[in-house]
Amino acid sequence: MLTKLFVGLTFFEDNHFAKKIQSFRGRYDEKLLTNPTVFMPIVAPFEIPVTALASLEDEIVEEVDAFFPGVGDSLTLGFTGVDVYTRARKMTLYLHPQELTDLSHCAEALTQICREHVELREHRPSEKDKGFLTIGRFTDPVALTDAITVAQREFQDCTALPVKGICLFQKHNGVWFQQADLYRFEQVDESSMYAPGKP
């Protein structure tokens, strides 16, 4: 039996920027109710045998600890604007993250680990997919155009989110759930979040 997973970032949400994102999602993201948490994939979805899940978790935790070894590490991720991803007839409006070297290398290493646990080639996570933070989903181009106009106004001064943790997400009945917390970051003071990266 296979299970579908992805590795993603979760964020502390008791800050102004996270609340602004959730307000926008409330108007434009149909999956807000089933996916109420603000998260961003760093390893694209993949499928592995359920029996391999515990082993995968252990390897990911070990790898993440090698990238972020400090106790009390904090991490903030900045965003540089809005963009659109189109697949078939579905259009996704998202915030584009700034690239952080440590996080980027960590995501590459975790993608490789996840690929090694997948038995069938077509179930592997794509190495080309880049993570982004979804704020709206659309099938109507007119509705998307209207939302882009609003997003460009509301997010013209994109800022940073404090990263809460790196989590393994698992799909149950079409909904993504946090399967396991793999690494936790310390919360940072909101006033110090405007310079992305480690403070």
Protein backbone atom coordinates (compact mmCIF):
# COMPACT_ATOMS: atom_id res chain seq x y z
CA MET A 1 0.00 0.00 0.00
CA LEU A 2 1.32 3.43 -1.01
CA THR A 3 0.96 6.73 0.81
CA LYS A 4 1.37 10.21 -0.68
CA LEU A 5 3.69 12.66 1.07
CA PHE A 6 5.55 15.92 0.73
CA VAL A 7 8.03 17.80 2.92
CA GLY A 8 7.16 21.40 3.69
CA LEU A 9 7.72 24.44 5.86
CA THR A 10 5.18 25.61 8.41
CA PHE A 11 5.16 29.17 9.72
CA PHE A 12 4.34 31.01 12.92
CA GLU A 13 1.02 32.70 12.19
CA ASP A 14 0.67 35.21 15.03
CA ASN A 15 2.17 38.05 13.01
CA HIS A 16 0.86 40.73 10.65
CA PHE A 17 2.07 39.19 7.38
CA ALA A 18 0.66 35.71 8.12
CA LYS A 19 -2.69 37.27 9.02
CA LYS A 20 -2.66 39.21 5.74
CA ILE A 21 -2.00 35.97 3.83
CA GLN A 22 -4.86 34.19 5.60
CA SER A 23 -7.20 37.10 4.88
CA PHE A 24 -6.36 36.88 1.18
CA ARG A 25 -6.74 33.08 1.19
CA GLY A 26 -10.15 33.48 2.79
CA ARG A 27 -11.27 35.32 -0.34
CA TYR A 28 -9.41 33.40 -3.04
CA ASP A 29 -8.31 29.95 -1.85
CA GLU A 30 -11.00 27.27 -1.99
CA LYS A 31 -8.83 24.95 0.11
CA LEU A 32 -8.58 27.24 3.12
CA LEU A 33 -11.06 25.13 5.09
CA THR A 34 -9.34 21.81 4.36
CA ASN A 35 -5.81 23.26 4.56
CA PRO A 36 -6.09 26.07 7.13
CA THR A 37 -2.36 26.17 7.97
CA VAL A 38 0.05 28.37 6.03
CA PHE A 39 2.67 26.01 4.59
CA MET A 40 5.07 25.80 1.66
CA PRO A 41 6.38 22.57 0.07
CA ILE A 42 10.14 22.19 -0.26
CA VAL A 43 10.00 18.60 -1.57
CA ALA A 44 7.30 17.99 -4.19
CA PRO A 45 4.66 15.28 -3.54
CA PHE A 46 5.75 11.66 -3.93
CA GLU A 47 4.50 8.18 -3.03
CA ILE A 48 6.20 5.49 -0.98
CA PRO A 49 5.12 2.21 0.64
CA VAL A 50 3.57 2.80 4.07
CA THR A 51 6.11 0.35 5.49
CA ALA A 52 8.94 2.75 4.51
CA LEU A 53 7.47 5.75 6.34
CA ALA A 54 9.29 5.35 9.66
CA SER A 55 12.65 4.85 7.94
CA LEU A 56 12.09 7.93 5.76
CA GLU A 57 11.24 10.09 8.79
CA ASP A 58 14.43 9.01 10.57
CA GLU A 59 16.62 9.81 7.56
CA ILE A 60 15.01 13.21 7.01
CA VAL A 61 15.42 14.19 10.67
CA GLU A 62 19.10 13.20 10.58
CA GLU A 63 19.68 15.20 7.38
CA VAL A 64 17.86 18.31 8.63
CA ASP A 65 19.83 18.22 11.88
CA ALA A 66 23.02 18.33 9.82
CA PHE A 67 21.88 21.57 8.11
CA PHE A 68 20.48 23.26 11.23
CA PRO A 69 22.53 21.89 14.14
CA GLY A 70 22.14 24.81 16.53
CA VAL A 71 19.76 24.69 19.47
CA GLY A 72 17.41 27.64 19.31
CA ASP A 73 17.97 28.33 15.60
CA SER A 74 15.49 30.70 14.04
CA LEU A 75 14.74 31.18 10.35
CA THR A 76 12.74 33.75 8.42
CA LEU A 77 11.76 33.46 4.77
CA GLY A 78 11.21 36.56 2.67
CA PHE A 79 8.88 36.86 -0.33
CA THR A 80 9.46 39.01 -3.39
CA GLY A 81 6.05 39.25 -5.08
CA VAL A 82 3.24 37.28 -6.66
CA ASP A 83 3.29 34.89 -9.61
CA VAL A 84 1.06 32.28 -11.29
CA TYR A 85 1.57 28.56 -11.87
CA THR A 86 -0.67 26.92 -14.49
CA ARG A 87 -1.28 23.21 -14.87
CA ALA A 88 -4.03 21.94 -17.18
CA ARG A 89 -6.97 24.26 -16.47
CA LYS A 90 -5.99 24.99 -12.89
CA MET A 91 -4.19 28.22 -12.04
CA THR A 92 -2.40 28.81 -8.75
CA LEU A 93 -1.57 32.29 -7.47
CA TYR A 94 1.40 32.27 -5.13
CA LEU A 95 3.97 34.29 -3.24
CA HIS A 96 7.48 33.84 -4.62
CA PRO A 97 10.04 33.05 -1.87
CA GLN A 98 13.54 34.45 -1.74
CA GLU A 99 16.22 31.80 -2.02
CA LEU A 100 18.14 30.99 1.15
CA THR A 101 21.31 29.00 0.54
CA ASP A 102 21.04 26.65 3.55
CA LEU A 103 17.35 26.00 2.94
CA SER A 104 17.88 25.44 -0.79
CA HIS A 105 20.67 22.90 -0.21
CA CYS A 106 18.61 21.21 2.49
CA ALA A 107 15.63 20.88 0.12
CA GLU A 108 17.88 19.33 -2.55
CA ALA A 109 19.27 16.79 -0.08
CA LEU A 110 15.80 15.89 1.23
CA THR A 111 14.48 15.48 -2.32
CA GLN A 112 17.23 12.96 -3.02
CA ILE A 113 16.46 11.03 0.17
CA CYS A 114 12.76 10.90 -0.68
CA ARG A 115 13.48 9.76 -4.24
CA GLU A 116 15.52 6.83 -2.88
CA HIS A 117 12.50 5.56 -0.91
CA VAL A 118 10.22 5.53 -3.95
CA GLU A 119 9.87 2.19 -5.73
CA LEU A 120 8.24 3.40 -8.97
CA ARG A 121 9.89 6.09 -11.05
CA GLU A 122 6.62 7.93 -11.77
CA HIS A 123 5.95 8.33 -8.03
CA ARG A 124 9.20 10.21 -7.32
CA PRO A 125 9.24 13.89 -6.31
CA SER A 126 10.28 16.14 -9.17
CA GLU A 127 13.70 17.71 -8.77
CA LYS A 128 12.59 20.63 -10.96
CA ASP A 129 9.59 21.77 -8.91
CA LYS A 130 10.33 24.83 -6.81
CA GLY A 131 8.45 25.51 -3.61
CA PHE A 132 6.06 28.42 -3.35
CA LEU A 133 3.37 29.63 -0.97
CA THR A 134 -0.10 29.27 -2.48
CA ILE A 135 -2.53 32.11 -1.75
CA GLY A 136 -5.28 31.38 -4.33
CA ARG A 137 -6.60 28.72 -6.71
CA PHE A 138 -8.58 29.39 -9.89
CA THR A 139 -10.15 27.83 -12.95
CA ASP A 140 -11.60 31.12 -14.27
CA PRO A 141 -9.01 33.40 -15.96
CA VAL A 142 -11.12 36.50 -15.26
CA ALA A 143 -11.28 35.73 -11.55
CA LEU A 144 -7.52 35.15 -11.57
CA THR A 145 -6.88 38.51 -13.23
CA ASP A 146 -8.98 40.28 -10.61
CA ALA A 147 -7.16 38.44 -7.80
CA ILE A 148 -3.74 39.34 -9.23
CA THR A 149 -4.69 43.02 -9.17
CA VAL A 150 -5.73 42.74 -5.52
CA ALA A 151 -2.63 40.68 -4.60
CA GLN A 152 -0.25 43.15 -6.24
CA ARG A 153 -1.80 45.90 -4.16
CA GLU A 154 -1.97 43.99 -0.87
CA PHE A 155 1.45 42.35 -1.19
CA GLN A 156 3.36 45.15 -2.90
CA ASP A 157 5.60 45.40 0.16
CA CYS A 158 6.18 41.69 0.58
CA THR A 159 7.92 40.85 3.80
CA ALA A 160 9.08 37.78 5.69
CA LEU A 161 7.47 34.94 7.61
CA PRO A 162 9.11 33.25 10.60
CA VAL A 163 9.53 29.55 9.86
CA LYS A 164 8.01 27.34 12.56
CA GLY A 165 9.29 24.00 11.37
CA ILE A 166 10.00 21.43 8.69
CA CYS A 167 7.19 18.88 8.52
CA LEU A 168 6.24 15.72 6.68
CA PHE A 169 2.74 16.02 5.24
CA GLN A 170 0.59 13.00 4.37
CA LYS A 171 -2.55 12.86 2.22
CA HIS A 172 -5.73 11.33 3.68
CA ASN A 173 -8.99 11.38 1.71
CA GLY A 174 -7.75 14.17 -0.53
CA VAL A 175 -6.59 16.43 2.33
CA TRP A 176 -3.00 17.09 3.43
CA PHE A 177 -2.27 16.58 7.14
CA GLN A 178 0.89 17.17 9.14
CA GLN A 179 2.18 13.63 9.65
CA ALA A 180 5.28 14.53 11.66
CA ASP A 181 7.26 17.53 12.87
CA LEU A 182 10.79 16.88 11.66
CA TYR A 183 12.48 20.04 12.96
CA ARG A 184 11.33 23.02 15.02
CA PHE A 185 12.70 26.55 14.83
CA GLU A 186 12.52 29.16 17.58
CA GLN A 187 10.08 32.02 17.14
CA VAL A 188 11.59 35.40 16.34
CA ASP A 189 10.39 38.83 17.39
CA GLU A 190 8.20 40.30 14.63
CA SER A 191 10.21 43.53 14.60
CA SER A 192 13.33 41.58 13.59
CA MET A 193 11.74 39.68 10.69
CA TYR A 194 12.27 42.23 7.99
CA ALA A 195 15.74 40.99 7.10
CA PRO A 196 15.17 37.48 5.65
CA GLY A 197 17.38 34.61 6.71
CA LYS A 198 18.95 33.84 10.01
CA PRO A 199 19.03 36.88 12.33
